[in-house]
């Protein structure tokens, strides 16, 4: 259910359904500024991990498996097209020779 997926994305550090709320860093970087940068990276990593989980759920499994199946389908389609072209060429040649 899509609303559930969007709700799952809203967790600590997210201020809305579209992004991650990051802390403003201070310049020059002080200890507090460095801690804010570290906190931001933690939030970014958590957001990407959550996104990966949602993609896996939507894909019905691992994304790598989905990509592999898509690549195999594309390869099979290319083979089928080449076979159809070859069959058409052969039929064309046979028709030419028959005349």
N, C-alpha and C. Protein backbone atom coordinates (compact mmCIF):
# COMPACT_ATOMS: atom_id res chain seq x y z
N UNK A 1 0.84 -1.17 0.00
CA UNK A 1 0.00 0.00 0.00
C UNK A 1 0.89 1.24 0.00
N UNK A 2 0.81 2.10 -0.99
CA UNK A 2 1.70 3.23 -1.15
C UNK A 2 1.70 4.19 0.04
N UNK A 3 0.53 4.56 0.59
CA UNK A 3 0.59 5.47 1.75
C UNK A 3 1.40 4.90 2.90
N UNK A 4 1.34 3.60 3.10
CA UNK A 4 2.12 2.97 4.17
C UNK A 4 3.60 3.11 3.89
N UNK A 5 3.99 2.95 2.63
CA UNK A 5 5.39 3.07 2.25
C UNK A 5 5.87 4.49 2.50
N UNK A 6 5.06 5.49 2.13
CA UNK A 6 5.45 6.87 2.37
C UNK A 6 5.52 7.16 3.86
N UNK A 7 4.60 6.60 4.61
CA UNK A 7 4.62 6.82 6.06
C UNK A 7 5.86 6.18 6.67
N UNK A 8 6.28 5.03 6.16
CA UNK A 8 7.47 4.37 6.68
C UNK A 8 8.71 5.23 6.47
N UNK A 9 8.71 6.05 5.41
CA UNK A 9 9.86 6.89 5.12
C UNK A 9 9.97 8.04 6.11
N UNK A 10 8.87 8.42 6.74
CA UNK A 10 8.88 9.53 7.69
C UNK A 10 9.33 8.98 9.05
N UNK A 11 10.54 9.24 9.38
CA UNK A 11 11.11 8.81 10.63
C UNK A 11 11.99 9.93 11.15
N UNK A 12 12.66 9.71 12.24
CA UNK A 12 13.47 10.80 12.80
C UNK A 12 14.41 11.36 11.75
N UNK A 13 14.46 12.65 11.67
CA UNK A 13 15.32 13.30 10.71
C UNK A 13 14.60 13.74 9.46
N UNK A 14 13.41 13.24 9.21
CA UNK A 14 12.67 13.66 8.01
C UNK A 14 11.61 14.66 8.42
N UNK A 15 11.56 15.78 7.71
CA UNK A 15 10.58 16.80 8.05
C UNK A 15 9.36 16.72 7.14
N UNK A 16 9.44 15.96 6.04
CA UNK A 16 8.29 15.80 5.16
C UNK A 16 8.47 14.54 4.34
N UNK A 17 7.53 14.27 3.44
CA UNK A 17 7.60 13.05 2.65
C UNK A 17 8.57 13.17 1.50
N UNK A 18 9.13 14.33 1.27
CA UNK A 18 9.97 14.53 0.10
C UNK A 18 11.46 14.57 0.41
N UNK A 19 11.86 14.69 1.67
CA UNK A 19 13.29 14.81 1.90
C UNK A 19 13.69 14.63 3.33
N UNK A 20 14.97 14.82 3.55
CA UNK A 20 15.57 14.65 4.86
C UNK A 20 15.92 16.02 5.40
N UNK A 21 15.57 16.26 6.63
CA UNK A 21 15.90 17.53 7.26
C UNK A 21 17.34 17.47 7.74
N UNK A 22 18.17 18.35 7.18
CA UNK A 22 19.58 18.38 7.57
C UNK A 22 19.85 19.57 8.47
N UNK A 23 20.85 19.44 9.31
CA UNK A 23 21.23 20.51 10.21
C UNK A 23 22.12 21.50 9.48
N UNK A 24 22.02 22.76 9.84
CA UNK A 24 22.89 23.77 9.26
C UNK A 24 24.27 23.65 9.90
N UNK A 25 25.30 23.59 9.06
CA UNK A 25 26.65 23.50 9.60
C UNK A 25 27.20 24.90 9.83
N UNK A 26 28.11 25.01 10.72
CA UNK A 26 28.69 26.30 11.06
C UNK A 26 30.02 26.47 10.34
N UNK A 27 30.40 27.70 10.05
CA UNK A 27 31.67 27.95 9.37
C UNK A 27 32.39 29.05 10.14
N UNK A 28 33.66 28.98 10.47
CA UNK A 28 34.51 27.82 10.26
C UNK A 28 34.02 26.65 11.12
N UNK A 29 34.42 25.47 10.74
CA UNK A 29 33.90 24.28 11.39
C UNK A 29 34.49 24.15 12.79
N UNK A 30 33.58 24.11 13.72
CA UNK A 30 33.94 23.90 15.13
C UNK A 30 33.58 22.46 15.48
N UNK A 31 33.77 22.12 16.71
CA UNK A 31 33.37 20.78 17.16
C UNK A 31 31.88 20.58 16.93
N UNK A 32 31.10 21.59 17.26
CA UNK A 32 29.64 21.49 17.05
C UNK A 32 29.32 21.36 15.55
N UNK A 33 30.02 22.13 14.73
CA UNK A 33 29.82 22.05 13.28
C UNK A 33 30.18 20.68 12.74
N UNK A 34 31.29 20.14 13.21
CA UNK A 34 31.70 18.80 12.78
C UNK A 34 30.66 17.76 13.20
N UNK A 35 30.14 17.91 14.41
CA UNK A 35 29.10 17.00 14.87
C UNK A 35 27.84 17.11 14.01
N UNK A 36 27.51 18.33 13.59
CA UNK A 36 26.35 18.51 12.72
C UNK A 36 26.58 17.85 11.36
N UNK A 37 27.78 17.97 10.83
CA UNK A 37 28.11 17.32 9.55
C UNK A 37 27.98 15.81 9.71
N UNK A 38 28.51 15.27 10.79
CA UNK A 38 28.40 13.83 11.04
C UNK A 38 26.95 13.40 11.17
N UNK A 39 26.16 14.21 11.88
CA UNK A 39 24.73 13.91 12.01
C UNK A 39 24.04 13.94 10.65
N UNK A 40 24.42 14.91 9.82
CA UNK A 40 23.83 14.98 8.48
C UNK A 40 24.15 13.72 7.68
N UNK A 41 25.39 13.26 7.72
CA UNK A 41 25.75 12.05 6.99
C UNK A 41 24.99 10.84 7.51
N UNK A 42 24.81 10.78 8.81
CA UNK A 42 24.03 9.69 9.39
C UNK A 42 22.60 9.73 8.86
N UNK A 43 22.02 10.93 8.81
CA UNK A 43 20.65 11.07 8.29
C UNK A 43 20.57 10.71 6.80
N UNK A 44 21.56 11.11 6.03
CA UNK A 44 21.58 10.79 4.60
C UNK A 44 21.67 9.28 4.40
N UNK A 45 22.56 8.63 5.13
CA UNK A 45 22.71 7.18 5.03
C UNK A 45 21.43 6.47 5.43
N UNK A 46 20.79 6.91 6.51
CA UNK A 46 19.54 6.30 6.94
C UNK A 46 18.45 6.48 5.88
N UNK A 47 18.42 7.66 5.25
CA UNK A 47 17.41 7.91 4.22
C UNK A 47 17.63 7.00 3.02
N UNK A 48 18.88 6.82 2.60
CA UNK A 48 19.15 5.94 1.47
C UNK A 48 18.87 4.48 1.82
N UNK A 49 19.16 4.08 3.05
CA UNK A 49 18.85 2.71 3.46
C UNK A 49 17.34 2.48 3.43
N UNK A 50 16.59 3.48 3.90
CA UNK A 50 15.14 3.39 3.87
C UNK A 50 14.63 3.33 2.44
N UNK A 51 15.19 4.16 1.57
CA UNK A 51 14.81 4.15 0.16
C UNK A 51 15.11 2.79 -0.47
N UNK A 52 16.27 2.22 -0.18
CA UNK A 52 16.63 0.90 -0.72
C UNK A 52 15.63 -0.15 -0.26
N UNK A 53 15.23 -0.09 0.99
CA UNK A 53 14.25 -1.03 1.52
C UNK A 53 12.93 -0.89 0.77
N UNK A 54 12.49 0.35 0.54
CA UNK A 54 11.23 0.57 -0.16
C UNK A 54 11.31 0.09 -1.60
N UNK A 55 12.44 0.30 -2.26
CA UNK A 55 12.62 -0.19 -3.63
C UNK A 55 12.56 -1.71 -3.64
N UNK A 56 13.20 -2.34 -2.67
CA UNK A 56 13.16 -3.80 -2.58
C UNK A 56 11.73 -4.30 -2.40
N UNK A 57 10.95 -3.60 -1.56
CA UNK A 57 9.56 -4.00 -1.33
C UNK A 57 8.76 -3.85 -2.63
N UNK A 58 8.92 -2.73 -3.30
CA UNK A 58 8.18 -2.49 -4.54
C UNK A 58 8.61 -3.45 -5.64
N UNK A 59 9.87 -3.81 -5.67
CA UNK A 59 10.39 -4.70 -6.71
C UNK A 59 10.07 -6.16 -6.41
N UNK A 60 9.58 -6.44 -5.22
CA UNK A 60 9.26 -7.81 -4.87
C UNK A 60 10.49 -8.64 -4.54
N UNK A 61 11.53 -8.02 -4.16
CA UNK A 61 12.77 -8.73 -3.82
C UNK A 61 13.95 -7.82 -3.99
N UNK A 62 15.07 -8.41 -4.17
CA UNK A 62 16.30 -7.63 -4.33
C UNK A 62 16.31 -6.91 -5.66
N UNK A 63 16.79 -5.70 -5.67
CA UNK A 63 16.87 -4.90 -6.89
C UNK A 63 17.80 -5.55 -7.90
N UNK A 64 18.88 -6.15 -7.43
CA UNK A 64 19.82 -6.81 -8.34
C UNK A 64 19.13 -7.93 -9.11
N UNK A 65 18.27 -8.67 -8.42
CA UNK A 65 17.52 -9.74 -9.09
C UNK A 65 16.58 -9.15 -10.14
N UNK A 66 15.93 -8.06 -9.81
CA UNK A 66 15.03 -7.41 -10.76
C UNK A 66 15.79 -6.93 -11.98
N UNK A 67 16.94 -6.29 -11.77
CA UNK A 67 17.75 -5.83 -12.89
C UNK A 67 18.22 -6.99 -13.75
N UNK A 68 18.58 -8.08 -13.13
CA UNK A 68 19.02 -9.26 -13.87
C UNK A 68 17.88 -9.80 -14.73
N UNK A 69 16.67 -9.85 -14.16
CA UNK A 69 15.51 -10.32 -14.94
C UNK A 69 15.20 -9.38 -16.09
N UNK A 70 15.31 -8.07 -15.85
CA UNK A 70 15.07 -7.10 -16.92
C UNK A 70 16.10 -7.24 -18.03
N UNK A 71 17.36 -7.37 -17.66
CA UNK A 71 18.41 -7.55 -18.66
C UNK A 71 18.20 -8.83 -19.47
N UNK A 72 17.78 -9.90 -18.81
CA UNK A 72 17.52 -11.16 -19.51
C UNK A 72 16.34 -11.00 -20.47
N UNK A 73 15.31 -10.28 -20.04
CA UNK A 73 14.16 -10.05 -20.91
C UNK A 73 14.56 -9.23 -22.13
N UNK A 74 15.40 -8.24 -21.94
CA UNK A 74 15.89 -7.42 -23.06
C UNK A 74 16.71 -8.28 -24.01
N UNK A 75 17.58 -9.11 -23.47
CA UNK A 75 18.40 -9.99 -24.30
C UNK A 75 17.52 -10.95 -25.10
N UNK A 76 16.52 -11.53 -24.44
CA UNK A 76 15.60 -12.44 -25.13
C UNK A 76 14.84 -11.72 -26.24
N UNK A 77 14.42 -10.48 -25.98
CA UNK A 77 13.71 -9.69 -26.99
C UNK A 77 14.63 -9.40 -28.18
N UNK A 78 15.88 -9.08 -27.92
CA UNK A 78 16.83 -8.82 -29.00
C UNK A 78 17.04 -10.07 -29.85
N UNK A 79 17.14 -11.22 -29.22
CA UNK A 79 17.30 -12.48 -29.95
C UNK A 79 16.07 -12.75 -30.81
N UNK A 80 14.89 -12.53 -30.24
CA UNK A 80 13.65 -12.75 -30.99
C UNK A 80 13.58 -11.82 -32.20
N UNK A 81 13.99 -10.57 -32.03
CA UNK A 81 13.96 -9.62 -33.15
C UNK A 81 14.94 -10.06 -34.23
N UNK A 82 16.13 -10.49 -33.85
CA UNK A 82 17.12 -10.96 -34.83
C UNK A 82 16.61 -12.18 -35.58
N UNK A 83 15.95 -13.09 -34.86
CA UNK A 83 15.39 -14.27 -35.51
C UNK A 83 14.28 -13.88 -36.49
N UNK A 84 13.45 -12.93 -36.10
CA UNK A 84 12.37 -12.47 -36.98
C UNK A 84 12.94 -11.81 -38.23
N UNK A 85 13.99 -11.03 -38.07
CA UNK A 85 14.64 -10.38 -39.22
C UNK A 85 15.22 -11.43 -40.14
N UNK A 86 15.88 -12.42 -39.58
CA UNK A 86 16.49 -13.49 -40.39
C UNK A 86 15.41 -14.27 -41.14
N UNK A 87 14.31 -14.58 -40.46
CA UNK A 87 13.22 -15.31 -41.11
C UNK A 87 12.60 -14.48 -42.23
N UNK A 88 12.44 -13.18 -42.00
CA UNK A 88 11.89 -12.28 -43.01
C UNK A 88 12.83 -12.19 -44.21
N UNK A 89 14.12 -12.09 -43.94
CA UNK A 89 15.11 -12.04 -45.03
C UNK A 89 15.06 -13.33 -45.86
N UNK A 90 14.98 -14.46 -45.18
CA UNK A 90 14.94 -15.74 -45.88
C UNK A 90 13.67 -15.84 -46.72
N UNK A 91 12.53 -15.44 -46.16
CA UNK A 91 11.28 -15.48 -46.91
C UNK A 91 11.33 -14.55 -48.11
N UNK A 92 11.95 -13.39 -47.94
CA UNK A 92 12.09 -12.44 -49.04
C UNK A 92 12.95 -13.04 -50.15
N UNK A 93 14.06 -13.66 -49.78
CA UNK A 93 14.94 -14.28 -50.78
C UNK A 93 14.24 -15.42 -51.50
N UNK A 94 13.48 -16.20 -50.75
CA UNK A 94 12.75 -17.32 -51.38
C UNK A 94 11.69 -16.79 -52.35
N UNK A 95 11.04 -15.69 -51.99
CA UNK A 95 10.03 -15.09 -52.86
C UNK A 95 10.68 -14.54 -54.12
N UNK A 96 11.85 -13.93 -53.98
CA UNK A 96 12.56 -13.39 -55.14
C UNK A 96 12.97 -14.52 -56.08
N UNK A 97 13.49 -15.61 -55.50
CA UNK A 97 13.93 -16.75 -56.31
C UNK A 97 12.76 -17.46 -56.98
N UNK A 98 11.60 -17.44 -56.36
CA UNK A 98 10.42 -18.09 -56.92
C UNK A 98 9.91 -17.33 -58.14
N UNK A 99 10.18 -16.06 -58.24
CA UNK A 99 9.71 -15.27 -59.37
C UNK A 99 10.68 -15.43 -60.46
